Amino acid sequence: MKLSSIMAGAFVTGFSGAAMPGPVLVATIVLTPGLGFWAGPAVVTGHFLIEGALVLALHAGLGRHLSRPDAPLVRAIGLVGGLVLILMALQMLASLPTLTLHGLQPGAVRQHPIQAGLVLSAASPYFWVWWASIGLGLMGEAVAHRGRAGLAAFYSGHILSDYTWYGLVSGLIAGGGRLLSDPVYRTMIGLCALLLIFFGARFVVVSLRPVKSGEQPT
């Protein structure tokens, strides 16, 4: 299999994960009005930093500890990550009464997009489970065909799909900035906060759910 074929396949399959609503998409939506188009690529850069490290760790053998949703490490990530998302959402809701677009220029927001992408990716147990299951299988196929070069081609295609998708999202939001008013902006941030609470609560509930009889955490 050619390296270009591995990269193209990873680019296409990468959209299946990138296009799904999640914390990274929420961060892109929240930060774009204050940072402009570059919010999306910057958030993905934070996502890339932790994802790239995870890919290397999985290649080294970490996958067996993360391959099941009921694995102790995944449950711990879900509990802590869920609480972090809920806390961030509550802070967003608390800021709504004074939130305004007036004077909001690129670079004026406090939250660093790279940091946001890294933290929100790390807080999602589904991010870890996806890579330890689906991602690990795709990685294994790439490595089986072309070794480390195959792994590099696979991940390059995958992360390129993330940059493409979130760049498109932030570009559309930045391009429509003239249509935003303070009430619309506050509504958008409020809805994003509620989404984070939903994701966070779901992560916490799943992490605290008892293991079914006969199942053994891995």
Protein backbone atom coordinates (compact mmCIF):
# COMPACT_ATOMS: atom_id res chain seq x y z
CA MET A 1 0.00 0.00 0.00
CA LYS A 2 1.35 3.43 -0.95
CA LEU A 3 1.98 6.02 1.75
CA SER A 4 -0.26 8.43 -0.16
CA SER A 5 -3.10 5.88 0.02
CA ILE A 6 -2.63 5.46 3.78
CA MET A 7 -2.65 9.22 4.27
CA ALA A 8 -5.71 9.72 2.06
CA GLY A 9 -7.62 6.98 3.87
CA ALA A 10 -6.78 8.48 7.26
CA PHE A 11 -7.86 11.91 6.03
CA VAL A 12 -11.28 10.60 4.99
CA THR A 13 -11.89 8.48 8.10
CA GLY A 14 -10.69 11.32 10.30
CA PHE A 15 -13.77 13.34 9.41
CA SER A 16 -15.95 10.72 11.11
CA GLY A 17 -14.51 11.82 14.43
CA ALA A 18 -13.86 15.48 13.69
CA ALA A 19 -17.40 16.19 12.54
CA MET A 20 -19.01 14.71 15.67
CA PRO A 21 -20.14 17.32 18.24
CA GLY A 22 -17.84 17.37 21.25
CA PRO A 23 -15.80 19.57 23.60
CA VAL A 24 -13.25 20.54 20.93
CA LEU A 25 -16.02 21.80 18.65
CA VAL A 26 -17.49 23.74 21.57
CA ALA A 27 -14.11 25.40 22.21
CA THR A 28 -13.86 26.41 18.55
CA ILE A 29 -17.33 27.96 18.58
CA VAL A 30 -16.72 29.82 21.85
CA LEU A 31 -13.28 31.22 20.99
CA THR A 32 -13.73 32.17 17.33
CA PRO A 33 -15.65 35.46 17.92
CA GLY A 34 -12.71 36.78 19.95
CA LEU A 35 -9.83 35.28 17.98
CA GLY A 36 -11.14 35.09 14.44
CA PHE A 37 -10.44 32.32 11.95
CA TRP A 38 -7.25 31.15 13.67
CA ALA A 39 -9.16 29.94 16.73
CA GLY A 40 -10.02 26.66 14.98
CA PRO A 41 -6.48 25.76 13.87
CA ALA A 42 -5.11 26.85 17.27
CA VAL A 43 -7.58 24.66 19.18
CA VAL A 44 -6.64 21.74 16.93
CA THR A 45 -2.96 22.38 17.68
CA GLY A 46 -3.66 21.79 21.37
CA HIS A 47 -5.62 18.68 20.40
CA PHE A 48 -2.67 17.61 18.23
CA LEU A 49 -0.16 17.92 21.08
CA ILE A 50 -1.92 15.43 23.34
CA GLU A 51 -3.15 13.25 20.47
CA GLY A 52 0.32 12.91 18.98
CA ALA A 53 1.75 11.88 22.35
CA LEU A 54 -1.09 9.38 22.77
CA VAL A 55 -0.46 7.85 19.33
CA LEU A 56 3.18 7.26 20.26
CA ALA A 57 2.16 5.78 23.62
CA LEU A 58 -0.37 3.47 21.97
CA HIS A 59 2.27 2.35 19.49
CA ALA A 60 4.46 1.53 22.51
CA GLY A 61 1.76 -0.63 24.15
CA LEU A 62 -0.55 1.63 26.17
CA GLY A 63 -3.61 0.51 24.19
CA ARG A 64 -4.33 -2.53 26.35
CA HIS A 65 -5.04 -0.24 29.33
CA LEU A 66 -7.50 1.96 27.41
CA SER A 67 -9.29 -0.40 25.04
CA ARG A 68 -12.45 -0.83 27.17
CA PRO A 69 -14.79 1.90 28.50
CA ASP A 70 -14.84 0.14 31.89
CA ALA A 71 -11.05 0.01 32.22
CA PRO A 72 -9.95 1.64 35.51
CA LEU A 73 -7.80 4.24 33.74
CA VAL A 74 -10.63 5.21 31.39
CA ARG A 75 -13.09 5.47 34.30
CA ALA A 76 -10.67 7.73 36.20
CA ILE A 77 -10.21 9.94 33.14
CA GLY A 78 -13.98 10.12 32.72
CA LEU A 79 -14.60 11.16 36.33
CA VAL A 80 -11.92 13.85 36.48
CA GLY A 81 -12.53 15.03 32.92
CA GLY A 82 -16.28 15.23 33.43
CA LEU A 83 -15.89 17.37 36.53
CA VAL A 84 -13.46 19.68 34.69
CA LEU A 85 -15.96 20.16 31.84
CA ILE A 86 -18.79 20.94 34.27
CA LEU A 87 -16.62 23.48 36.12
CA MET A 88 -15.67 25.20 32.86
CA ALA A 89 -19.33 25.29 31.82
CA LEU A 90 -20.41 26.86 35.11
CA GLN A 91 -17.77 29.56 34.67
CA MET A 92 -19.12 30.25 31.18
CA LEU A 93 -22.69 30.53 32.50
CA ALA A 94 -21.57 32.86 35.29
CA SER A 95 -20.01 35.22 32.72
CA LEU A 96 -23.16 35.52 30.58
CA PRO A 97 -24.69 38.63 32.24
CA THR A 98 -21.62 40.76 31.44
CA LEU A 99 -20.57 39.05 28.21
CA THR A 100 -20.40 41.46 25.27
CA LEU A 101 -18.96 41.66 21.79
CA HIS A 102 -18.23 45.38 22.24
CA GLY A 103 -14.51 45.93 21.95
CA LEU A 104 -13.91 42.20 21.44
CA GLN A 105 -11.02 42.08 19.00
CA PRO A 106 -8.80 39.21 17.89
CA GLY A 107 -6.52 38.31 20.78
CA ALA A 108 -8.79 39.86 23.40
CA VAL A 109 -9.99 36.60 24.96
CA ARG A 110 -8.27 35.22 28.03
CA GLN A 111 -8.54 31.50 27.27
CA HIS A 112 -5.63 30.34 25.13
CA PRO A 113 -7.02 28.20 22.29
CA ILE A 114 -4.09 25.76 22.30
CA GLN A 115 -4.56 25.20 26.02
CA ALA A 116 -8.30 24.78 25.51
CA GLY A 117 -7.79 22.16 22.80
CA LEU A 118 -5.35 20.22 24.95
CA VAL A 119 -7.43 20.29 28.14
CA LEU A 120 -10.76 19.50 26.49
CA SER A 121 -9.28 16.61 24.52
CA ALA A 122 -7.68 15.16 27.65
CA ALA A 123 -10.95 15.52 29.56
CA SER A 124 -12.90 13.30 27.16
CA PRO A 125 -12.72 9.55 27.88
CA TYR A 126 -14.21 8.84 24.45
CA PHE A 127 -11.14 10.44 22.91
CA TRP A 128 -8.95 7.88 24.71
CA VAL A 129 -11.23 4.91 24.02
CA TRP A 130 -11.57 5.78 20.30
CA TRP A 131 -7.82 5.84 19.88
CA ALA A 132 -7.31 2.66 21.91
CA SER A 133 -9.86 0.78 19.80
CA ILE A 134 -10.66 2.14 16.33
CA GLY A 135 -7.57 4.31 16.08
CA LEU A 136 -5.25 1.53 17.25
CA GLY A 137 -6.65 -0.83 14.62
CA LEU A 138 -6.12 1.70 11.84
CA MET A 139 -2.63 2.43 13.15
CA GLY A 140 -1.81 -1.28 13.19
CA GLU A 141 -2.85 -1.67 9.57
CA ALA A 142 -0.71 1.30 8.50
CA VAL A 143 2.31 -0.01 10.42
CA ALA A 144 1.83 -3.52 9.01
CA HIS A 145 2.03 -2.17 5.47
CA ARG A 146 4.76 0.47 5.74
CA GLY A 147 6.22 0.42 9.25
CA ARG A 148 6.93 3.73 10.98
CA ALA A 149 6.56 5.59 7.69
CA GLY A 150 3.03 4.18 7.49
CA LEU A 151 2.30 5.38 11.02
CA ALA A 152 3.56 8.87 10.14
CA ALA A 153 1.46 8.94 6.96
CA PHE A 154 -1.62 7.74 8.84
CA TYR A 155 -1.37 10.35 11.57
CA SER A 156 -0.53 13.14 9.12
CA GLY A 157 -3.73 12.39 7.21
CA HIS A 158 -5.75 12.15 10.40
CA ILE A 159 -4.63 15.45 11.91
CA LEU A 160 -4.99 17.18 8.52
CA SER A 161 -8.69 16.26 8.58
CA ASP A 162 -9.00 17.93 12.00
CA TYR A 163 -7.32 21.13 10.79
CA THR A 164 -9.52 21.16 7.69
CA TRP A 165 -12.80 20.65 9.55
CA TYR A 166 -12.23 23.03 12.45
CA GLY A 167 -10.67 25.61 10.16
CA LEU A 168 -13.87 25.46 8.12
CA VAL A 169 -16.02 25.84 11.24
CA SER A 170 -14.07 28.83 12.59
CA GLY A 171 -13.94 30.37 9.12
CA LEU A 172 -17.71 30.23 8.76
CA ILE A 173 -18.24 31.73 12.23
CA ALA A 174 -15.64 34.47 11.68
CA GLY A 175 -17.09 35.25 8.25
CA GLY A 176 -20.54 35.66 9.75
CA GLY A 177 -19.31 37.85 12.59
CA ARG A 178 -21.23 40.86 11.26
CA LEU A 179 -24.46 39.01 11.99
CA LEU A 180 -23.61 38.51 15.67
CA SER A 181 -25.16 40.70 18.35
CA ASP A 182 -24.66 40.54 22.12
CA PRO A 183 -27.91 38.58 22.70
CA VAL A 184 -27.03 36.11 19.94
CA TYR A 185 -23.48 35.75 21.25
CA ARG A 186 -24.70 35.16 24.82
CA THR A 187 -27.20 32.58 23.58
CA MET A 188 -24.48 30.81 21.64
CA ILE A 189 -22.14 30.72 24.64
CA GLY A 190 -24.97 29.60 26.93
CA LEU A 191 -25.85 26.72 24.61
CA CYS A 192 -22.19 25.71 24.42
CA ALA A 193 -22.00 25.74 28.22
CA LEU A 194 -25.05 23.48 28.42
CA LEU A 195 -23.40 21.13 25.93
CA LEU A 196 -20.30 20.96 28.11
CA ILE A 197 -22.47 20.19 31.15
CA PHE A 198 -24.15 17.41 29.15
CA PHE A 199 -20.82 15.91 28.09
CA GLY A 200 -19.34 16.30 31.56
CA ALA A 201 -22.33 14.76 33.34
CA ARG A 202 -22.37 11.89 30.89
CA PHE A 203 -18.67 11.23 31.44
CA VAL A 204 -19.14 11.24 35.23
CA VAL A 205 -22.20 8.95 35.15
CA VAL A 206 -20.50 6.44 32.86
CA SER A 207 -17.32 6.43 34.96
CA LEU A 208 -19.29 5.77 38.17
CA ARG A 209 -21.54 3.11 36.66
CA PRO A 210 -20.93 -0.31 38.29
CA VAL A 211 -19.20 -2.92 36.19
CA LYS A 212 -21.72 -5.54 35.08
CA SER A 213 -21.54 -8.93 36.74
CA GLY A 214 -19.10 -11.18 34.96
CA GLU A 215 -17.14 -8.29 33.42
CA GLN A 216 -13.61 -7.60 34.50
CA PRO A 217 -12.03 -4.18 34.00
CA THR A 218 -8.87 -4.38 31.98
